[in-house]
Each structure stands twice: as structure tokens, then as C-alpha cells.
Amino acid sequence: MALYKPSKKTPAEEEAEEKHAPQAAGQVPRRVPQRGTWEPEEATVTLLSQRPEGSHAAGDDLLILTNSFVKASSSGAASSAGAIQELCLALRHGGHDAAEVACSAGAVEASVSLLKSSSSSSSALLPETMEVLWLLIDDYDSCQRLIRSGGHNSLLRLVREHGPKDALVSTAAFRLMAETLYSEANGSELWMESFDPQLLIEALEWAVNYEPPP
């Protein structure tokens, strides 16, 4: 089978092609739409709860949200309810990157502060506050923030106080500690004084005897 060889162009054809080449190069094919000049729009901040399902909070939005949470936490749990819910939602959607931004803005310390200042009137917010911590703490550095803030001692205290009668608090606290206790140093105060193995036995009894509300 003979190989295909393109026919050689005549000098006149080559000259005509070179003459029209610059004009053709400057043309845009009709099938390619012309785009207008891009103009940046004014940046807006929208809370995640106001965005479509599945969208991710931008870094600026999350910083504003975390700062609001930190500020509200200094006024007590009652003032933090809305901020806790918004931050929980943002962290669920944002993953590790969102947790990094919130941690750097002091969300771990603010959450532990809420746990320390909790009272019987604000106990309903404990599970959500613990969930915020559970979503925030996903590496060594964030875990150390919890430890330096005395988070484990606060969690153990709350389990002793609320655990026998509040399964949500117990579940949230033990889920969090299951991810963080390994980072406590062997000779730390937690292991030497605060942690009581009897608490685990009691927790098993709570789980066995637990009856969900009708």
C-alpha cells in the first residue's frame, strides 16, 4: 500500500497563504463568544446557614463567625446559643481547613470556657459545645489547645454531674475524649489525680440502664 503524500504547494499558493495569514490570526472564530471585561464585585459576608446546601464558608466568613462566637462566649452560654449553632454548621461543612481557621481564632479556648462556666440553666447547650470541640480537634496542635485550656478536667466534671441523667452529655463527652485523651502526657495531673477508672464502670451502667424518652 502506497503511503499518502501531501501535494506540494506551488510558489503562488504559498505566497497567497502568507499574505492572508496575519489577517486570519487576528480573527476570532464565530463559535467562541466574546467575553466582557471582568470587574471584581464587592465582597459580601454571608453566614453559612443562609447559603445553599453544600456550600462552604469562605475564610473571611468563618473568621467573623468564630470571632462572634468567642465574643459571645465571654458573656456566658445564654448569649452563645446562636453562635454555637452557626459554628457547628460551618465546621461540619468546612472540614479540616475550617477547623484550622477557627482554632487559630480561639474557638477551642472559647468552647472550654463555656464548659467551665456552665450551669444547670445552660446544660442544654453542653452537647453542642462539645460537638464544636469534636469538630475542631482533628490534629495534635488543636488537641494541645484543649489540654492547655483544662478541657479534659471540665469534661470529666460535667460527665460526673450530668452523666447519670443526661445521655446526650455523656455521649458527646466520651466521644470527644475518645479522640483526645491519648495526647495527655503519662505523668499529667489528669492521670494522677482527675481521672477515676470507676467513672468508666459507672458510665457502662448508665448505658445499660438507659431508657430513651418515649
N, C-alpha and C. Protein backbone atom coordinates (compact mmCIF):
# COMPACT_ATOMS: atom_id res chain seq x y z
N MET A 1 0.85 -1.19 0.00
CA MET A 1 0.00 0.00 0.00
C MET A 1 0.88 1.24 0.00
N ALA A 2 0.60 2.15 -0.90
CA ALA A 2 1.41 3.36 -1.01
C ALA A 2 1.05 4.33 0.09
N LEU A 3 2.07 4.99 0.67
CA LEU A 3 1.85 5.98 1.71
C LEU A 3 1.31 7.27 1.10
N TYR A 4 0.43 7.94 1.86
CA TYR A 4 -0.14 9.20 1.38
C TYR A 4 0.90 10.30 1.53
N LYS A 5 1.08 11.05 0.45
CA LYS A 5 1.99 12.18 0.48
C LYS A 5 1.22 13.43 0.09
N PRO A 6 1.24 14.44 0.96
CA PRO A 6 0.51 15.66 0.61
C PRO A 6 1.10 16.32 -0.62
N SER A 7 0.24 16.88 -1.43
CA SER A 7 0.72 17.54 -2.65
C SER A 7 1.48 18.79 -2.29
N LYS A 8 2.54 19.02 -3.00
CA LYS A 8 3.38 20.18 -2.72
C LYS A 8 2.72 21.43 -3.26
N LYS A 9 2.73 22.50 -2.42
CA LYS A 9 2.10 23.74 -2.84
C LYS A 9 2.99 24.46 -3.84
N THR A 10 2.32 25.14 -4.75
CA THR A 10 3.05 25.93 -5.75
C THR A 10 3.53 27.21 -5.11
N PRO A 11 4.54 27.85 -5.64
CA PRO A 11 5.00 29.14 -5.09
C PRO A 11 3.90 30.17 -5.00
N ALA A 12 2.99 30.18 -5.97
CA ALA A 12 1.89 31.16 -5.95
C ALA A 12 0.95 30.90 -4.77
N GLU A 13 0.68 29.61 -4.46
CA GLU A 13 -0.20 29.26 -3.35
C GLU A 13 0.43 29.62 -2.01
N GLU A 14 1.74 29.38 -1.88
CA GLU A 14 2.44 29.72 -0.64
C GLU A 14 2.45 31.22 -0.42
N GLU A 15 2.63 31.99 -1.50
CA GLU A 15 2.65 33.46 -1.38
C GLU A 15 1.29 33.98 -0.95
N ALA A 16 0.23 33.40 -1.51
CA ALA A 16 -1.13 33.83 -1.14
C ALA A 16 -1.45 33.49 0.31
N GLU A 17 -0.98 32.34 0.78
CA GLU A 17 -1.23 31.92 2.17
C GLU A 17 -0.52 32.83 3.16
N GLU A 18 0.74 33.21 2.83
CA GLU A 18 1.50 34.11 3.71
C GLU A 18 0.86 35.49 3.75
N LYS A 19 0.27 35.91 2.64
CA LYS A 19 -0.35 37.23 2.56
C LYS A 19 -1.55 37.34 3.48
N HIS A 20 -2.35 36.25 3.57
CA HIS A 20 -3.59 36.29 4.35
C HIS A 20 -3.40 35.79 5.79
N ALA A 21 -2.23 35.30 6.15
CA ALA A 21 -2.01 34.73 7.50
C ALA A 21 -2.18 35.75 8.61
N PRO A 22 -1.58 36.98 8.55
CA PRO A 22 -1.77 37.95 9.65
C PRO A 22 -3.23 38.31 9.87
N GLN A 23 -3.99 38.43 8.78
CA GLN A 23 -5.41 38.78 8.91
C GLN A 23 -6.19 37.66 9.59
N ALA A 24 -5.88 36.42 9.24
CA ALA A 24 -6.58 35.28 9.83
C ALA A 24 -6.24 35.11 11.30
N ALA A 25 -4.98 35.41 11.66
CA ALA A 25 -4.55 35.24 13.05
C ALA A 25 -5.29 36.18 13.99
N GLY A 26 -5.71 37.35 13.49
CA GLY A 26 -6.39 38.30 14.34
C GLY A 26 -7.87 38.09 14.46
N GLN A 27 -8.41 37.11 13.74
CA GLN A 27 -9.84 36.87 13.77
C GLN A 27 -10.20 35.88 14.88
N VAL A 28 -11.35 36.06 15.47
CA VAL A 28 -11.87 35.14 16.48
C VAL A 28 -12.98 34.32 15.85
N PRO A 29 -12.92 32.98 15.93
CA PRO A 29 -13.98 32.16 15.34
C PRO A 29 -15.34 32.56 15.90
N ARG A 30 -16.35 32.50 15.07
CA ARG A 30 -17.69 32.93 15.49
C ARG A 30 -18.26 32.06 16.60
N ARG A 31 -17.79 30.81 16.67
CA ARG A 31 -18.34 29.91 17.69
C ARG A 31 -17.82 30.23 19.09
N VAL A 32 -16.78 31.08 19.21
CA VAL A 32 -16.24 31.45 20.51
C VAL A 32 -16.89 32.76 20.95
N PRO A 33 -17.67 32.78 22.02
CA PRO A 33 -18.36 34.00 22.45
C PRO A 33 -17.38 35.04 22.96
N GLN A 34 -17.65 36.27 22.66
CA GLN A 34 -16.84 37.36 23.18
C GLN A 34 -17.16 37.60 24.65
N ARG A 35 -16.14 37.73 25.49
CA ARG A 35 -16.33 37.93 26.93
C ARG A 35 -16.16 39.40 27.27
N GLY A 36 -16.98 39.88 28.17
CA GLY A 36 -16.84 41.24 28.64
C GLY A 36 -15.67 41.38 29.60
N THR A 37 -15.30 42.59 29.91
CA THR A 37 -14.21 42.83 30.85
C THR A 37 -14.63 42.44 32.25
N TRP A 38 -13.77 41.66 32.93
CA TRP A 38 -14.11 41.20 34.29
C TRP A 38 -13.92 42.34 35.27
N GLU A 39 -14.91 42.54 36.11
CA GLU A 39 -14.85 43.56 37.15
C GLU A 39 -15.17 42.91 38.48
N PRO A 40 -14.25 42.98 39.45
CA PRO A 40 -14.50 42.34 40.76
C PRO A 40 -15.67 42.99 41.47
N GLU A 41 -16.53 42.14 42.02
CA GLU A 41 -17.67 42.65 42.77
C GLU A 41 -17.27 42.90 44.22
N GLU A 42 -18.04 43.70 44.88
CA GLU A 42 -17.78 43.98 46.29
C GLU A 42 -17.98 42.72 47.11
N ALA A 43 -16.99 42.38 47.95
CA ALA A 43 -17.06 41.15 48.74
C ALA A 43 -18.17 41.26 49.77
N THR A 44 -18.93 40.20 49.89
CA THR A 44 -20.01 40.17 50.88
C THR A 44 -19.78 39.03 51.83
N VAL A 45 -20.29 39.14 53.03
CA VAL A 45 -20.17 38.10 54.04
C VAL A 45 -21.56 37.54 54.31
N THR A 46 -21.69 36.23 54.16
CA THR A 46 -22.97 35.57 54.38
C THR A 46 -22.77 34.39 55.30
N LEU A 47 -23.58 34.29 56.34
CA LEU A 47 -23.48 33.16 57.24
C LEU A 47 -23.81 31.88 56.49
N LEU A 48 -23.19 30.79 56.92
CA LEU A 48 -23.34 29.53 56.21
C LEU A 48 -24.79 29.07 56.20
N SER A 49 -25.52 29.34 57.27
CA SER A 49 -26.91 28.89 57.33
C SER A 49 -27.78 29.58 56.29
N GLN A 50 -27.31 30.71 55.74
CA GLN A 50 -28.06 31.43 54.74
C GLN A 50 -27.64 31.06 53.32
N ARG A 51 -26.67 30.14 53.21
CA ARG A 51 -26.18 29.74 51.90
C ARG A 51 -26.86 28.47 51.43
N PRO A 52 -26.77 28.16 50.14
CA PRO A 52 -27.37 26.91 49.64
C PRO A 52 -26.72 25.70 50.29
N GLU A 53 -27.48 24.62 50.40
CA GLU A 53 -26.98 23.38 50.99
C GLU A 53 -25.75 22.91 50.23
N GLY A 54 -24.70 22.54 50.99
CA GLY A 54 -23.50 22.01 50.37
C GLY A 54 -22.44 23.06 50.09
N SER A 55 -22.73 24.34 50.28
CA SER A 55 -21.72 25.36 50.05
C SER A 55 -20.76 25.43 51.22
N HIS A 56 -19.59 26.01 50.98
CA HIS A 56 -18.57 26.06 52.01
C HIS A 56 -18.36 27.51 52.47
N ALA A 57 -18.13 27.68 53.74
CA ALA A 57 -17.90 29.02 54.27
C ALA A 57 -16.54 29.52 53.82
N ALA A 58 -16.49 30.73 53.35
CA ALA A 58 -15.21 31.33 52.99
C ALA A 58 -14.44 31.65 54.25
N GLY A 59 -13.11 31.80 54.09
CA GLY A 59 -12.27 32.06 55.26
C GLY A 59 -12.69 33.30 56.02
N ASP A 60 -13.03 34.36 55.29
CA ASP A 60 -13.44 35.60 55.96
C ASP A 60 -14.74 35.39 56.73
N ASP A 61 -15.67 34.68 56.13
CA ASP A 61 -16.94 34.42 56.80
C ASP A 61 -16.72 33.65 58.10
N LEU A 62 -15.87 32.64 58.02
CA LEU A 62 -15.64 31.79 59.18
C LEU A 62 -14.92 32.55 60.29
N LEU A 63 -14.00 33.43 59.91
CA LEU A 63 -13.32 34.24 60.92
C LEU A 63 -14.31 35.14 61.65
N ILE A 64 -15.19 35.78 60.90
CA ILE A 64 -16.20 36.64 61.52
C ILE A 64 -17.10 35.82 62.43
N LEU A 65 -17.49 34.65 61.96
CA LEU A 65 -18.36 33.77 62.74
C LEU A 65 -17.67 33.32 64.02
N THR A 66 -16.39 32.94 63.91
CA THR A 66 -15.65 32.48 65.09
C THR A 66 -15.44 33.62 66.07
N ASN A 67 -15.11 34.79 65.56
CA ASN A 67 -14.93 35.94 66.45
C ASN A 67 -16.22 36.27 67.19
N SER A 68 -17.35 36.13 66.52
CA SER A 68 -18.64 36.36 67.19
C SER A 68 -18.87 35.33 68.28
N PHE A 69 -18.48 34.09 67.99
CA PHE A 69 -18.63 33.02 68.98
C PHE A 69 -17.73 33.28 70.19
N VAL A 70 -16.49 33.65 69.94
CA VAL A 70 -15.55 33.93 71.04
C VAL A 70 -16.06 35.08 71.89
N LYS A 71 -16.55 36.13 71.24
CA LYS A 71 -17.08 37.28 71.99
C LYS A 71 -18.31 36.89 72.80
N ALA A 72 -19.20 36.11 72.19
CA ALA A 72 -20.42 35.70 72.89
C ALA A 72 -20.10 34.79 74.07
N SER A 73 -19.07 33.95 73.92
CA SER A 73 -18.73 33.01 75.00
C SER A 73 -18.28 33.73 76.26
N SER A 74 -17.71 34.91 76.10
CA SER A 74 -17.28 35.65 77.28
C SER A 74 -18.46 36.20 78.08
N SER A 75 -19.64 36.21 77.47
CA SER A 75 -20.84 36.68 78.16
C SER A 75 -21.67 35.54 78.73
N GLY A 76 -21.21 34.30 78.52
CA GLY A 76 -21.93 33.15 79.07
C GLY A 76 -22.66 32.37 78.01
N ALA A 77 -23.13 31.19 78.43
CA ALA A 77 -23.77 30.26 77.49
C ALA A 77 -25.05 30.82 76.89
N ALA A 78 -25.82 31.57 77.67
CA ALA A 78 -27.10 32.07 77.18
C ALA A 78 -26.92 32.96 75.95
N SER A 79 -25.82 33.71 75.93
CA SER A 79 -25.56 34.61 74.80
C SER A 79 -24.91 33.89 73.63
N SER A 80 -24.51 32.64 73.82
CA SER A 80 -23.74 31.92 72.82
C SER A 80 -24.54 30.93 72.01
N ALA A 81 -25.81 30.75 72.33
CA ALA A 81 -26.60 29.68 71.70
C ALA A 81 -26.58 29.78 70.17
N GLY A 82 -26.91 30.95 69.64
CA GLY A 82 -26.94 31.10 68.19
C GLY A 82 -25.57 30.93 67.56
N ALA A 83 -24.54 31.48 68.21
CA ALA A 83 -23.18 31.38 67.68
C ALA A 83 -22.69 29.94 67.67
N ILE A 84 -23.06 29.17 68.70
CA ILE A 84 -22.67 27.75 68.76
C ILE A 84 -23.27 27.00 67.58
N GLN A 85 -24.53 27.23 67.30
CA GLN A 85 -25.20 26.52 66.20
C GLN A 85 -24.60 26.89 64.86
N GLU A 86 -24.31 28.17 64.66
CA GLU A 86 -23.72 28.61 63.39
C GLU A 86 -22.33 28.02 63.21
N LEU A 87 -21.53 28.02 64.29
CA LEU A 87 -20.17 27.50 64.18
C LEU A 87 -20.18 26.00 63.93
N CYS A 88 -21.08 25.29 64.58
CA CYS A 88 -21.23 23.84 64.36
C CYS A 88 -21.51 23.57 62.88
N LEU A 89 -22.43 24.31 62.33
CA LEU A 89 -22.82 24.12 60.94
C LEU A 89 -21.65 24.41 60.00
N ALA A 90 -20.93 25.48 60.27
CA ALA A 90 -19.79 25.84 59.43
C ALA A 90 -18.70 24.78 59.48
N LEU A 91 -18.43 24.25 60.66
CA LEU A 91 -17.38 23.24 60.80
C LEU A 91 -17.78 21.92 60.15
N ARG A 92 -19.05 21.57 60.22
CA ARG A 92 -19.49 20.33 59.56
C ARG A 92 -19.26 20.41 58.05
N HIS A 93 -19.48 21.57 57.47
CA HIS A 93 -19.33 21.73 56.03
C HIS A 93 -17.88 22.00 55.63
N GLY A 94 -17.13 22.66 56.49
CA GLY A 94 -15.81 23.14 56.09
C GLY A 94 -14.66 22.17 56.26
N GLY A 95 -14.82 21.14 57.10
CA GLY A 95 -13.76 20.15 57.27
C GLY A 95 -12.53 20.70 57.97
N HIS A 96 -11.37 20.11 57.64
CA HIS A 96 -10.12 20.43 58.34
C HIS A 96 -9.73 21.89 58.15
N ASP A 97 -9.88 22.41 56.94
CA ASP A 97 -9.49 23.80 56.69
C ASP A 97 -10.29 24.77 57.55
N ALA A 98 -11.57 24.51 57.68
CA ALA A 98 -12.40 25.37 58.53
C ALA A 98 -11.98 25.25 59.99
N ALA A 99 -11.66 24.03 60.42
CA ALA A 99 -11.22 23.83 61.80
C ALA A 99 -9.93 24.59 62.08
N GLU A 100 -9.02 24.61 61.11
CA GLU A 100 -7.76 25.34 61.29
C GLU A 100 -8.02 26.84 61.49
N VAL A 101 -8.89 27.40 60.67
CA VAL A 101 -9.20 28.83 60.78
C VAL A 101 -9.83 29.13 62.13
N ALA A 102 -10.80 28.32 62.53
CA ALA A 102 -11.50 28.56 63.79
C ALA A 102 -10.58 28.37 64.99
N CYS A 103 -9.70 27.37 64.93
CA CYS A 103 -8.75 27.15 66.04
C CYS A 103 -7.82 28.34 66.20
N SER A 104 -7.33 28.85 65.09
CA SER A 104 -6.41 29.99 65.16
C SER A 104 -7.08 31.24 65.71
N ALA A 105 -8.40 31.30 65.62
CA ALA A 105 -9.15 32.45 66.14
C ALA A 105 -9.61 32.26 67.58
N GLY A 106 -9.24 31.11 68.19
CA GLY A 106 -9.53 30.91 69.61
C GLY A 106 -10.80 30.15 69.92
N ALA A 107 -11.31 29.38 68.95
CA ALA A 107 -12.58 28.68 69.17
C ALA A 107 -12.46 27.58 70.22
N VAL A 108 -11.31 26.90 70.29
CA VAL A 108 -11.15 25.83 71.29
C VAL A 108 -11.20 26.41 72.70
N GLU A 109 -10.43 27.47 72.92
CA GLU A 109 -10.39 28.08 74.24
C GLU A 109 -11.76 28.64 74.64
N ALA A 110 -12.46 29.24 73.68
CA ALA A 110 -13.79 29.78 73.98
C ALA A 110 -14.77 28.67 74.33
N SER A 111 -14.67 27.54 73.64
CA SER A 111 -15.57 26.42 73.93
C SER A 111 -15.31 25.85 75.32
N VAL A 112 -14.04 25.69 75.67
CA VAL A 112 -13.70 25.18 77.00
C VAL A 112 -14.17 26.15 78.07
N SER A 113 -14.06 27.44 77.79
CA SER A 113 -14.54 28.45 78.74
C SER A 113 -16.04 28.29 79.00
N LEU A 114 -16.79 27.97 77.95
CA LEU A 114 -18.23 27.73 78.13
C LEU A 114 -18.48 26.50 78.97
N LEU A 115 -17.68 25.46 78.77
CA LEU A 115 -17.85 24.25 79.58
C LEU A 115 -17.58 24.54 81.06
N LYS A 116 -16.55 25.34 81.31
CA LYS A 116 -16.19 25.65 82.70
C LYS A 116 -17.26 26.49 83.39
N SER A 117 -17.90 27.36 82.64
CA SER A 117 -18.87 28.28 83.25
C SER A 117 -20.31 27.77 83.16
N SER A 118 -20.48 26.55 82.69
CA SER A 118 -21.84 26.03 82.51
C SER A 118 -22.55 25.86 83.84
N SER A 119 -23.86 26.03 83.79
CA SER A 119 -24.70 25.86 84.98
C SER A 119 -25.90 25.00 84.61
N SER A 120 -26.73 24.72 85.57
CA SER A 120 -27.90 23.89 85.29
C SER A 120 -28.82 24.53 84.26
N SER A 121 -28.86 25.85 84.24
CA SER A 121 -29.74 26.54 83.29
C SER A 121 -29.21 26.49 81.86
N SER A 122 -27.91 26.24 81.71
CA SER A 122 -27.32 26.21 80.37
C SER A 122 -26.87 24.82 79.95
N SER A 123 -27.28 23.80 80.70
CA SER A 123 -26.82 22.44 80.40
C SER A 123 -27.31 21.95 79.04
N ALA A 124 -28.39 22.52 78.53
CA ALA A 124 -28.91 22.09 77.23
C ALA A 124 -27.93 22.38 76.10
N LEU A 125 -27.02 23.35 76.32
CA LEU A 125 -26.05 23.70 75.29
C LEU A 125 -24.77 22.87 75.37
N LEU A 126 -24.63 22.06 76.40
CA LEU A 126 -23.40 21.29 76.57
C LEU A 126 -23.11 20.35 75.40
N PRO A 127 -24.08 19.54 74.95
CA PRO A 127 -23.77 18.64 73.83
C PRO A 127 -23.29 19.37 72.58
N GLU A 128 -23.91 20.51 72.26
CA GLU A 128 -23.49 21.26 71.07
C GLU A 128 -22.11 21.87 71.26
N THR A 129 -21.82 22.35 72.46
CA THR A 129 -20.49 22.90 72.72
C THR A 129 -19.44 21.82 72.59
N MET A 130 -19.74 20.62 73.09
CA MET A 130 -18.80 19.50 72.96
C MET A 130 -18.66 19.07 71.51
N GLU A 131 -19.73 19.20 70.74
CA GLU A 131 -19.63 18.86 69.32
C GLU A 131 -18.74 19.86 68.58
N VAL A 132 -18.82 21.13 68.97
CA VAL A 132 -17.92 22.12 68.38
C VAL A 132 -16.47 21.69 68.61
N LEU A 133 -16.15 21.28 69.84
CA LEU A 133 -14.79 20.83 70.14
C LEU A 133 -14.44 19.58 69.35
N TRP A 134 -15.37 18.66 69.23
CA TRP A 134 -15.11 17.43 68.48
C TRP A 134 -14.81 17.72 67.02
N LEU A 135 -15.48 18.72 66.45
CA LEU A 135 -15.24 19.11 65.07
C LEU A 135 -13.96 19.91 64.91
N LEU A 136 -13.60 20.66 65.94
CA LEU A 136 -12.39 21.48 65.88
C LEU A 136 -11.12 20.66 66.00
N ILE A 137 -11.13 19.68 66.88
CA ILE A 137 -9.89 18.99 67.26
C ILE A 137 -9.69 17.77 66.36
N ASP A 138 -8.80 17.94 65.38
CA ASP A 138 -8.54 16.83 64.46
C ASP A 138 -7.05 16.63 64.19
N ASP A 139 -6.19 17.25 65.02
CA ASP A 139 -4.76 17.01 64.90
C ASP A 139 -4.09 17.30 66.24
N TYR A 140 -2.77 17.12 66.29
CA TYR A 140 -2.04 17.25 67.56
C TYR A 140 -2.13 18.67 68.11
N ASP A 141 -1.93 19.66 67.25
CA ASP A 141 -1.91 21.05 67.72
C ASP A 141 -3.25 21.46 68.34
N SER A 142 -4.33 21.13 67.67
CA SER A 142 -5.63 21.50 68.22
C SER A 142 -5.93 20.75 69.51
N CYS A 143 -5.43 19.52 69.60
CA CYS A 143 -5.62 18.74 70.83
C CYS A 143 -4.86 19.37 71.99
N GLN A 144 -3.68 19.89 71.71
CA GLN A 144 -2.91 20.55 72.76
C GLN A 144 -3.61 21.81 73.26
N ARG A 145 -4.33 22.47 72.40
CA ARG A 145 -5.11 23.64 72.83
C ARG A 145 -6.15 23.22 73.87
N LEU A 146 -6.79 22.09 73.63
CA LEU A 146 -7.78 21.58 74.59
C LEU A 146 -7.12 21.25 75.92
N ILE A 147 -5.97 20.61 75.87
CA ILE A 147 -5.28 20.20 77.10
C ILE A 147 -4.81 21.42 77.89
N ARG A 148 -4.20 22.38 77.19
CA ARG A 148 -3.70 23.58 77.88
C ARG A 148 -4.84 24.38 78.51
N SER A 149 -6.02 24.28 77.95
CA SER A 149 -7.18 25.02 78.48
C SER A 149 -7.86 24.29 79.63
N GLY A 150 -7.39 23.08 79.95
CA GLY A 150 -8.03 22.30 81.00
C GLY A 150 -9.33 21.66 80.55
N GLY A 151 -9.42 21.37 79.26
CA GLY A 151 -10.65 20.83 78.72
C GLY A 151 -11.03 19.46 79.27
N HIS A 152 -10.04 18.59 79.46
CA HIS A 152 -10.36 17.24 79.94
C HIS A 152 -10.93 17.26 81.36
N ASN A 153 -10.37 18.09 82.20
CA ASN A 153 -10.90 18.19 83.56
C ASN A 153 -12.35 18.69 83.55
N SER A 154 -12.63 19.64 82.67
CA SER A 154 -14.00 20.15 82.58
C SER A 154 -14.95 19.08 82.06
N LEU A 155 -14.50 18.30 81.09
CA LEU A 155 -15.34 17.24 80.54
C LEU A 155 -15.65 16.18 81.59
N LEU A 156 -14.62 15.79 82.36
CA LEU A 156 -14.84 14.78 83.40
C LEU A 156 -15.79 15.29 84.47
N ARG A 157 -15.65 16.56 84.83
CA ARG A 157 -16.56 17.14 85.83
C ARG A 157 -17.99 17.11 85.34
N LEU A 158 -18.18 17.48 84.08
CA LEU A 158 -19.54 17.53 83.53
C LEU A 158 -20.14 16.13 83.39
N VAL A 159 -19.30 15.16 83.08
CA VAL A 159 -19.81 13.78 82.99
C VAL A 159 -20.28 13.31 84.36
N ARG A 160 -19.51 13.64 85.40
CA ARG A 160 -19.92 13.24 86.76
C ARG A 160 -21.22 13.93 87.17
N GLU A 161 -21.35 15.21 86.80
CA GLU A 161 -22.53 15.97 87.22
C GLU A 161 -23.78 15.61 86.42
N HIS A 162 -23.63 15.46 85.11
CA HIS A 162 -24.80 15.31 84.24
C HIS A 162 -24.96 13.90 83.67
N GLY A 163 -23.88 13.13 83.69
CA GLY A 163 -23.91 11.82 83.04
C GLY A 163 -25.02 10.89 83.46
N PRO A 164 -25.26 10.73 84.77
CA PRO A 164 -26.29 9.76 85.18
C PRO A 164 -27.68 10.07 84.66
N LYS A 165 -27.96 11.34 84.38
CA LYS A 165 -29.33 11.70 83.97
C LYS A 165 -29.42 12.31 82.58
N ASP A 166 -28.28 12.52 81.92
CA ASP A 166 -28.30 13.15 80.60
C ASP A 166 -27.41 12.35 79.64
N ALA A 167 -28.04 11.51 78.84
CA ALA A 167 -27.28 10.65 77.92
C ALA A 167 -26.59 11.45 76.82
N LEU A 168 -27.17 12.58 76.43
CA LEU A 168 -26.57 13.38 75.37
C LEU A 168 -25.24 13.96 75.81
N VAL A 169 -25.19 14.44 77.04
CA VAL A 169 -23.93 14.99 77.57
C VAL A 169 -22.88 13.89 77.66
N SER A 170 -23.26 12.73 78.19
CA SER A 170 -22.31 11.62 78.32
C SER A 170 -21.78 11.19 76.97
N THR A 171 -22.67 11.04 76.01
CA THR A 171 -22.26 10.60 74.67
C THR A 171 -21.30 11.58 74.03
N ALA A 172 -21.64 12.87 74.09
CA ALA A 172 -20.79 13.89 73.48
C ALA A 172 -19.44 13.98 74.16
N ALA A 173 -19.42 13.88 75.49
CA ALA A 173 -18.16 13.99 76.23
C ALA A 173 -17.25 12.80 75.96
N PHE A 174 -17.78 11.60 76.01
CA PHE A 174 -16.94 10.41 75.79
C PHE A 174 -16.50 10.30 74.33
N ARG A 175 -17.33 10.74 73.41
CA ARG A 175 -16.91 10.74 72.00
C ARG A 175 -15.71 11.66 71.80
N LEU A 176 -15.76 12.83 72.45
CA LEU A 176 -14.65 13.77 72.34
C LEU A 176 -13.40 13.23 73.01
N MET A 177 -13.53 12.72 74.23
CA MET A 177 -12.35 12.23 74.95
C MET A 177 -11.74 11.01 74.29
N ALA A 178 -12.54 10.23 73.58
CA ALA A 178 -12.00 9.07 72.87
C ALA A 178 -11.01 9.50 71.80
N GLU A 179 -11.12 10.75 71.32
CA GLU A 179 -10.23 11.25 70.28
C GLU A 179 -9.07 12.06 70.84
N THR A 180 -9.12 12.43 72.12
CA THR A 180 -8.14 13.39 72.64
C THR A 180 -7.33 12.91 73.83
N LEU A 181 -7.83 11.97 74.59
CA LEU A 181 -7.13 11.56 75.82
C LEU A 181 -5.74 11.01 75.55
N TYR A 182 -5.53 10.43 74.37
CA TYR A 182 -4.22 9.83 74.07
C TYR A 182 -3.11 10.88 74.07
N SER A 183 -3.46 12.15 73.93
CA SER A 183 -2.44 13.20 73.87
C SER A 183 -2.02 13.69 75.25
N GLU A 184 -2.71 13.27 76.30
CA GLU A 184 -2.30 13.65 77.65
C GLU A 184 -1.01 12.92 78.02
N ALA A 185 -0.05 13.64 78.57
CA ALA A 185 1.23 13.04 78.97
C ALA A 185 1.01 12.03 80.08
N ASN A 186 1.90 11.03 80.15
CA ASN A 186 1.74 9.94 81.13
C ASN A 186 1.68 10.45 82.56
N GLY A 187 2.50 11.43 82.89
CA GLY A 187 2.56 11.92 84.26
C GLY A 187 1.73 13.16 84.52
N SER A 188 0.76 13.42 83.66
CA SER A 188 -0.02 14.65 83.80
C SER A 188 -0.96 14.57 85.00
N GLU A 189 -1.44 15.73 85.41
CA GLU A 189 -2.37 15.81 86.54
C GLU A 189 -3.64 15.02 86.26
N LEU A 190 -4.03 14.97 85.01
CA LEU A 190 -5.27 14.25 84.67
C LEU A 190 -5.18 12.79 85.08
N TRP A 191 -4.07 12.13 84.73
CA TRP A 191 -3.94 10.71 85.06
C TRP A 191 -3.65 10.49 86.53
N MET A 192 -2.94 11.43 87.15
CA MET A 192 -2.52 11.25 88.54
C MET A 192 -3.65 11.56 89.52
N GLU A 193 -4.51 12.52 89.19
CA GLU A 193 -5.50 12.99 90.16
C GLU A 193 -6.94 13.00 89.65
N SER A 194 -7.14 13.49 88.42
CA SER A 194 -8.51 13.77 87.97
C SER A 194 -9.25 12.54 87.45
N PHE A 195 -8.54 11.69 86.73
CA PHE A 195 -9.23 10.57 86.07
C PHE A 195 -9.46 9.43 87.04
N ASP A 196 -10.71 9.01 87.15
CA ASP A 196 -11.09 7.92 88.05
C ASP A 196 -11.62 6.76 87.21
N PRO A 197 -10.91 5.61 87.19
CA PRO A 197 -11.39 4.47 86.39
C PRO A 197 -12.81 4.04 86.76
N GLN A 198 -13.21 4.32 88.00
CA GLN A 198 -14.56 3.95 88.42
C GLN A 198 -15.61 4.65 87.56
N LEU A 199 -15.24 5.81 87.03
CA LEU A 199 -16.18 6.56 86.19
C LEU A 199 -16.55 5.76 84.94
N LEU A 200 -15.61 5.03 84.39
CA LEU A 200 -15.89 4.22 83.20
C LEU A 200 -16.89 3.11 83.52
N ILE A 201 -16.72 2.51 84.71
CA ILE A 201 -17.64 1.45 85.13
C ILE A 201 -19.05 2.02 85.30
N GLU A 202 -19.12 3.20 85.93
CA GLU A 202 -20.42 3.83 86.11
C GLU A 202 -21.05 4.20 84.76
N ALA A 203 -20.20 4.64 83.83
CA ALA A 203 -20.72 5.01 82.51
C ALA A 203 -21.31 3.81 81.79
N LEU A 204 -20.68 2.64 81.96
CA LEU A 204 -21.24 1.42 81.37
C LEU A 204 -22.61 1.10 81.98
N GLU A 205 -22.73 1.33 83.27
CA GLU A 205 -24.02 1.10 83.93
C GLU A 205 -25.08 2.07 83.40
N TRP A 206 -24.68 3.33 83.18
CA TRP A 206 -25.64 4.28 82.62
C TRP A 206 -26.12 3.82 81.25
N ALA A 207 -25.16 3.33 80.44
CA ALA A 207 -25.52 2.91 79.09
C ALA A 207 -26.46 1.70 79.11
N VAL A 208 -26.18 0.76 80.02
CA VAL A 208 -27.01 -0.45 80.10
C VAL A 208 -28.42 -0.11 80.58
N ASN A 209 -28.50 0.79 81.53
CA ASN A 209 -29.80 1.12 82.14
C ASN A 209 -30.54 2.25 81.43
N TYR A 210 -29.93 2.79 80.39
CA TYR A 210 -30.53 3.95 79.73
C TYR A 210 -31.83 3.56 79.03
N GLU A 211 -32.83 4.37 79.25
CA GLU A 211 -34.12 4.19 78.58
C GLU A 211 -34.45 5.47 77.82
N PRO A 212 -34.48 5.40 76.50
CA PRO A 212 -34.78 6.62 75.72
C PRO A 212 -36.17 7.15 76.05
N PRO A 213 -36.34 8.44 75.97
CA PRO A 213 -37.66 9.03 76.26
C PRO A 213 -38.69 8.55 75.26
N PRO A 214 -39.94 8.41 75.67
CA PRO A 214 -41.00 7.93 74.76
C PRO A 214 -41.28 8.93 73.64
